[in-house]
Amino acid sequence: MTGPGSTQTHALGLLRGASLRNSSAIPPGFEGGFVVYSWEQKEGHGQYQRPWQHSGEALALTVAWPLQKLVCLGLPPGHSPPWPLWLSVVIRDALSKWLGQRLSEPLELKWPNDLLLGGGKVAGVLVQQSQSGGQTWVMAGVGVNLRWNQPPPDGLSAAGLIQSLPNIHREEVLEHLLEAIGQLSFQTVIDADEMAARFNAFHRYQLMSVEFIDREGRGLQSEGRVQGVSPRGGLLLELPGQEVHEYSLGALSMREAKPA
């Protein structure tokens, strides 16, 4: 598929088509999940509906699978799995294992759903759940900047995953992402404490001072010190003169605090 408005939107359309018994909308193997991908996405968006900036050579990917009975160790009963956090971890680990020392700098994570290379955003994750035919589906969308044909727009801190790597093909990136996401989708037991620890090990802002905007409050800019992420996927922030506060997924945006 080339150049859809959004792979996430297209995948959601497939699900809605299936729920309406539109057989022409159902791809082969639909019952066990399906994949929509493109090398050019025109209308994709990320967290807070921010538009995805196309780098010139990029991968837009959505993997959808029916959610089976899942045991989440370390999560309170009824708590939704922090899919963006988990997906970011497994993708980072898969790419790092594959590319290894060919990367000039290690891949890092930014809570809750970004991958960074050299401090610049190289990939973003968007996860939705949808109902179709009485079944809950997980839709994991991933956008990856591979190479920038032109420098990123002013004010955008971004990187290309294979920008300076010889003999790396985009199809290989797709293959490794699909393998990592596929392994996550087939797990029936996930240890939330372990996943949080894996995230914290590569969290760029771990134990750093950050500036943040609380999107659940009045939108005022504040400052705090990152104490990690919890098994629930929340960001643990130590606020000045206060105890550690946990922010839920999507509740704030942050950046490294400027030196005083």
Protein backbone atom coordinates (compact mmCIF):
# COMPACT_ATOMS: atom_id res chain seq x y z
CA MET A 1 0.00 0.00 0.00
CA THR A 2 1.35 3.43 -0.90
CA GLY A 3 0.45 6.79 0.52
CA PRO A 4 -2.78 6.30 2.52
CA GLY A 5 -4.09 9.17 4.56
CA SER A 6 -3.26 7.20 7.71
CA THR A 7 -2.54 3.51 8.24
CA GLN A 8 -4.31 3.75 11.60
CA THR A 9 -7.42 5.21 9.99
CA HIS A 10 -7.28 2.65 7.21
CA ALA A 11 -7.00 -0.22 9.70
CA LEU A 12 -9.96 1.14 11.66
CA GLY A 13 -11.94 1.23 8.42
CA LEU A 14 -11.15 -2.44 7.84
CA LEU A 15 -12.49 -3.28 11.29
CA ARG A 16 -15.68 -1.31 10.69
CA GLY A 17 -16.06 -3.00 7.34
CA ALA A 18 -15.77 -6.38 9.01
CA SER A 19 -18.37 -5.47 11.62
CA LEU A 20 -20.75 -4.59 8.78
CA ARG A 21 -20.01 -7.93 7.11
CA ASN A 22 -18.40 -6.21 4.14
CA SER A 23 -16.31 -9.15 3.01
CA SER A 24 -14.41 -7.07 0.45
CA ALA A 25 -12.92 -5.07 3.33
CA ILE A 26 -11.51 -8.10 5.12
CA PRO A 27 -7.92 -8.98 4.22
CA PRO A 28 -6.65 -12.60 4.22
CA GLY A 29 -6.09 -13.95 7.73
CA PHE A 30 -8.23 -11.22 9.26
CA GLU A 31 -9.44 -13.40 12.11
CA GLY A 32 -5.93 -13.62 13.55
CA GLY A 33 -4.94 -10.03 12.88
CA PHE A 34 -3.67 -7.98 9.96
CA VAL A 35 -1.08 -5.41 8.93
CA VAL A 36 -1.38 -2.13 7.04
CA TYR A 37 1.82 -0.33 6.09
CA SER A 38 3.04 2.42 3.80
CA TRP A 39 6.29 4.17 2.91
CA GLU A 40 4.45 7.49 2.79
CA GLN A 41 1.72 8.67 5.13
CA LYS A 42 -0.01 11.91 4.24
CA GLU A 43 -2.34 12.53 7.16
CA GLY A 44 -0.91 10.61 10.09
CA HIS A 45 -0.93 12.04 13.58
CA GLY A 46 0.58 11.28 16.94
CA GLN A 47 -0.13 12.16 20.52
CA TYR A 48 -2.33 15.25 21.09
CA GLN A 49 -3.25 15.05 17.35
CA ARG A 50 0.10 16.51 16.35
CA PRO A 51 0.75 15.89 12.63
CA TRP A 52 3.44 13.37 11.76
CA GLN A 53 6.27 15.09 9.87
CA HIS A 54 7.20 12.95 6.86
CA SER A 55 10.98 12.64 6.55
CA GLY A 56 11.09 11.67 2.89
CA GLU A 57 11.86 8.02 3.54
CA ALA A 58 9.75 6.65 6.34
CA LEU A 59 7.61 3.73 7.44
CA ALA A 60 4.04 3.99 8.65
CA LEU A 61 2.75 0.76 10.12
CA THR A 62 -0.40 -0.42 11.87
CA VAL A 63 -0.72 -3.94 13.27
CA ALA A 64 -4.16 -5.00 14.50
CA TRP A 65 -4.87 -8.14 16.52
CA PRO A 66 -7.82 -9.47 18.53
CA LEU A 67 -7.15 -9.16 22.24
CA GLN A 68 -7.30 -12.56 23.90
CA LYS A 69 -7.36 -13.24 27.62
CA LEU A 70 -4.27 -11.49 28.96
CA VAL A 71 -2.79 -11.82 32.45
CA CYS A 72 -1.03 -8.59 33.45
CA LEU A 73 1.16 -9.25 36.46
CA GLY A 74 1.67 -6.20 38.65
CA LEU A 75 -1.41 -4.30 37.41
CA PRO A 76 -4.50 -3.66 39.53
CA PRO A 77 -7.57 -5.67 38.46
CA GLY A 78 -9.37 -4.00 35.60
CA HIS A 79 -6.53 -1.59 34.82
CA SER A 80 -5.95 -1.10 31.09
CA PRO A 81 -2.57 -2.37 29.88
CA PRO A 82 -0.15 0.50 29.10
CA TRP A 83 0.23 -0.59 25.48
CA PRO A 84 2.19 2.50 24.27
CA LEU A 85 4.81 1.89 26.94
CA TRP A 86 5.06 -1.84 26.23
CA LEU A 87 5.15 -1.37 22.48
CA SER A 88 7.90 1.25 22.73
CA VAL A 89 9.99 -1.14 24.84
CA VAL A 90 9.73 -4.15 22.54
CA ILE A 91 10.42 -2.04 19.43
CA ARG A 92 13.45 -0.38 21.02
CA ASP A 93 14.85 -3.73 22.13
CA ALA A 94 14.29 -5.34 18.73
CA LEU A 95 15.91 -2.52 16.77
CA SER A 96 18.83 -2.25 19.19
CA LYS A 97 19.47 -5.99 19.05
CA TRP A 98 19.40 -5.93 15.26
CA LEU A 99 21.42 -2.78 14.60
CA GLY A 100 23.74 -3.09 17.60
CA GLN A 101 26.99 -1.17 17.33
CA ARG A 102 26.11 0.10 13.87
CA LEU A 103 24.17 2.85 15.64
CA SER A 104 26.34 5.79 16.63
CA GLU A 105 24.28 6.30 19.78
CA PRO A 106 21.90 4.04 21.72
CA LEU A 107 18.18 4.18 21.10
CA GLU A 108 16.41 5.84 24.02
CA LEU A 109 12.79 6.09 25.13
CA LYS A 110 10.73 9.14 25.95
CA TRP A 111 7.61 8.59 28.00
CA PRO A 112 5.14 7.44 26.97
CA ASN A 113 5.53 6.51 23.32
CA ASP A 114 8.59 7.91 21.53
CA LEU A 115 11.93 6.46 20.46
CA LEU A 116 14.91 8.81 20.31
CA LEU A 117 18.27 8.61 18.57
CA GLY A 118 20.85 11.21 19.53
CA GLY A 119 18.10 13.12 21.31
CA GLY A 120 16.01 13.38 18.14
CA LYS A 121 12.70 11.61 17.63
CA VAL A 122 13.11 8.66 15.32
CA ALA A 123 9.82 6.83 15.92
CA GLY A 124 6.46 7.29 17.58
CA VAL A 125 3.80 4.86 18.76
CA LEU A 126 0.03 5.25 18.76
CA VAL A 127 -2.24 2.54 20.23
CA GLN A 128 -6.02 2.31 20.06
CA GLN A 129 -8.55 -0.29 21.04
CA SER A 130 -11.66 -0.88 18.96
CA GLN A 131 -14.70 -3.15 19.13
CA SER A 132 -15.64 -5.23 16.12
CA GLY A 133 -17.95 -8.24 16.00
CA GLY A 134 -18.05 -8.51 19.79
CA GLN A 135 -14.24 -8.68 19.90
CA THR A 136 -11.79 -6.12 21.31
CA TRP A 137 -8.99 -5.31 18.88
CA VAL A 138 -5.65 -3.67 19.66
CA MET A 139 -4.38 -1.39 16.90
CA ALA A 140 -0.68 -0.59 17.25
CA GLY A 141 0.48 2.19 14.96
CA VAL A 142 4.18 2.97 14.52
CA GLY A 143 5.77 5.77 12.49
CA VAL A 144 9.51 5.56 11.81
CA ASN A 145 11.72 8.22 10.24
CA LEU A 146 14.25 6.32 8.14
CA ARG A 147 16.07 9.08 6.24
CA TRP A 148 15.51 12.82 5.95
CA ASN A 149 15.74 13.94 2.33
CA GLN A 150 15.81 17.52 3.58
CA PRO A 151 16.80 18.80 7.03
CA PRO A 152 13.93 18.56 9.56
CA PRO A 153 11.79 21.70 9.87
CA ASP A 154 13.00 24.38 12.25
CA GLY A 155 12.19 23.57 15.85
CA LEU A 156 11.72 19.86 15.16
CA SER A 157 14.20 17.58 16.92
CA ALA A 158 14.18 14.50 14.72
CA ALA A 159 16.51 11.78 13.45
CA GLY A 160 16.61 9.09 10.79
CA LEU A 161 16.99 5.49 11.89
CA ILE A 162 19.11 4.41 8.92
CA GLN A 163 20.27 7.88 7.86
CA SER A 164 23.96 7.02 7.76
CA LEU A 165 23.91 3.22 7.80
CA PRO A 166 25.09 1.51 4.60
CA ASN A 167 23.39 -1.60 3.27
CA ILE A 168 20.30 -1.24 5.47
CA HIS A 169 17.03 -1.54 3.58
CA ARG A 170 13.66 -0.27 4.71
CA GLU A 171 12.09 -3.71 4.23
CA GLU A 172 14.40 -5.01 6.96
CA VAL A 173 13.08 -2.38 9.36
CA LEU A 174 9.54 -3.50 8.59
CA GLU A 175 10.48 -7.15 9.12
CA HIS A 176 12.00 -6.55 12.55
CA LEU A 177 9.11 -4.35 13.71
CA LEU A 178 6.55 -6.93 12.67
CA GLU A 179 8.43 -9.66 14.50
CA ALA A 180 8.66 -7.61 17.71
CA ILE A 181 5.00 -6.55 17.67
CA GLY A 182 3.90 -10.06 16.74
CA GLN A 183 5.70 -11.55 19.73
CA LEU A 184 4.02 -9.01 22.03
CA SER A 185 0.58 -9.70 20.56
CA PHE A 186 0.87 -13.45 21.18
CA GLN A 187 1.91 -13.18 24.84
CA THR A 188 -0.73 -14.34 27.29
CA VAL A 189 1.15 -13.22 30.42
CA ILE A 190 3.00 -9.89 30.68
CA ASP A 191 4.88 -8.72 33.75
CA ALA A 192 4.15 -4.99 34.09
CA ASP A 193 6.94 -4.48 36.64
CA GLU A 194 9.48 -5.97 34.26
CA MET A 195 8.28 -3.85 31.35
CA ALA A 196 8.48 -0.69 33.47
CA ALA A 197 12.03 -1.59 34.53
CA ARG A 198 13.03 -2.12 30.88
CA PHE A 199 11.56 1.26 29.98
CA ASN A 200 13.32 3.03 32.84
CA ALA A 201 16.67 1.51 31.84
CA PHE A 202 16.57 3.50 28.59
CA HIS A 203 14.37 6.45 29.53
CA ARG A 204 16.21 9.55 28.36
CA TYR A 205 14.79 11.65 31.20
CA GLN A 206 15.31 9.16 33.99
CA LEU A 207 16.30 11.10 37.15
CA MET A 208 16.53 14.34 35.15
CA SER A 209 14.84 17.69 35.73
CA VAL A 210 12.19 18.42 33.12
CA GLU A 211 9.80 21.18 32.18
CA PHE A 212 6.29 19.96 31.56
CA ILE A 213 2.77 21.09 30.73
CA ASP A 214 0.06 19.37 32.76
CA ARG A 215 -2.70 18.65 30.24
CA GLU A 216 -5.05 17.41 32.96
CA GLY A 217 -4.77 20.62 34.95
CA ARG A 218 -4.72 24.21 33.80
CA GLY A 219 -2.04 23.73 31.17
CA LEU A 220 0.55 25.67 33.16
CA GLN A 221 4.22 24.97 32.69
CA SER A 222 5.93 23.44 35.70
CA GLU A 223 9.17 21.71 36.58
CA GLY A 224 9.91 18.39 38.25
CA ARG A 225 12.37 15.55 38.50
CA VAL A 226 11.59 12.28 36.75
CA GLN A 227 11.61 9.27 39.06
CA GLY A 228 10.72 6.75 36.36
CA VAL A 229 7.54 5.13 35.10
CA SER A 230 5.25 2.89 37.11
CA PRO A 231 4.00 -0.57 36.11
CA ARG A 232 0.69 1.15 35.26
CA GLY A 233 2.55 3.20 32.66
CA GLY A 234 2.30 6.49 34.53
CA LEU A 235 5.17 8.96 34.78
CA LEU A 236 6.49 9.47 38.33
CA LEU A 237 7.46 13.10 38.88
CA GLU A 238 8.91 14.60 42.03
CA LEU A 239 7.51 18.12 42.20
CA PRO A 240 9.30 20.92 44.08
CA GLY A 241 8.38 20.79 47.75
CA GLN A 242 5.96 17.92 47.17
CA GLU A 243 5.87 14.17 47.11
CA VAL A 244 6.14 12.13 43.94
CA HIS A 245 3.05 12.47 41.73
CA GLU A 246 2.04 9.93 39.08
CA TYR A 247 0.77 11.26 35.75
CA SER A 248 -1.30 8.96 33.56
CA LEU A 249 -0.56 8.25 29.91
CA GLY A 250 -1.05 11.36 27.80
CA ALA A 251 -1.53 13.65 30.80
CA LEU A 252 1.47 15.86 30.10
CA SER A 253 4.17 16.73 27.60
CA MET A 254 7.72 17.42 28.71
CA ARG A 255 11.23 18.39 27.71
CA GLU A 256 14.57 18.63 29.45
CA ALA A 257 14.74 21.62 31.79
CA LYS A 258 17.06 24.40 30.72
CA PRO A 259 20.02 25.08 33.05
CA ALA A 260 19.35 27.91 35.47
